[in-house]
């Protein structure tokens, strides 16, 4: 799995909705698509670049597009793999009962199928994807060599209050857009800038998601699983992550109690969706973490 592929573009935030659509489409066209088993259907993977594999696992309400601003830069040095997790994006639903264990098993089985040589892989999981990746690492102790958890919950910390609007109740496109924009700013990013690309990614993927991860986020699942993970573990958080206020260092303390050797990096002035909002800084930090 080391063949060459078209080089993906480097999307930038834009207020132009048409340009946002083009960024997404151009990145998708540059991908190679693979499929592995997922319940009665398929788990869809996209791949860019060449070199040692790097697996990027998206967050809740997302898809591979959560990594849109990371794929191009990282694919210059690595072969970047982005699955749509079961019940998200283009992938099928997981087998019954359809919870995190089944989602994580489909991810682990997919890695075994794509990389039958048994190599240990580098995996970064954003938010819900970090939780799923940790569970997958417990299922396959030798499969994941490095695990980078990015802004994940399920650490047993108090959930800060932030108001989310129910977009499903909106009866017209303008109301739904306003609800998605509110939720994007309340949960995902710290910036108030007019960014059509972030809004397009967030709104379209949330509307396609079939799994509600709120109960998982409020649990202690990640905290409980981490001591059983054999991989080298690191964490990357945005300093303004709405899910970890008033101090992201509380997340570090929980992770360090579970994994004393954890490397924990905080990116200033970035919100929850730090791979997107501070893409250049995040890409550099992730690359350094993976090389250490």
Foldseek 3Di string as FASTA:
>chain_A
DFDAWDQQDQDDFDLDLVVLVVNVVRRQVRWDWDWDDAAVWTKIKTKHAGDAEEEEEEAPLAFQCLLSNQRRVVRPHHIYMTIGFAQFDPHHAHHPPRDLLRRLVRVLVVLCVVCVVLAAYHYEYAARGLLSPLSNLLVPQSRHAEYEYELYALQQDDFDDFDADDLVPDDDPVSSLVRLLRRCCRAPKVDPDNGSNSSVRNSVGNVSGDDDCPVSRNHNSSLVRLLSHNHAYEYEYEQAANRCPPGVVVVVVSNCVSPVPYHYYYDYRTYRSCCRPVVVVVSVVVVVVVVD
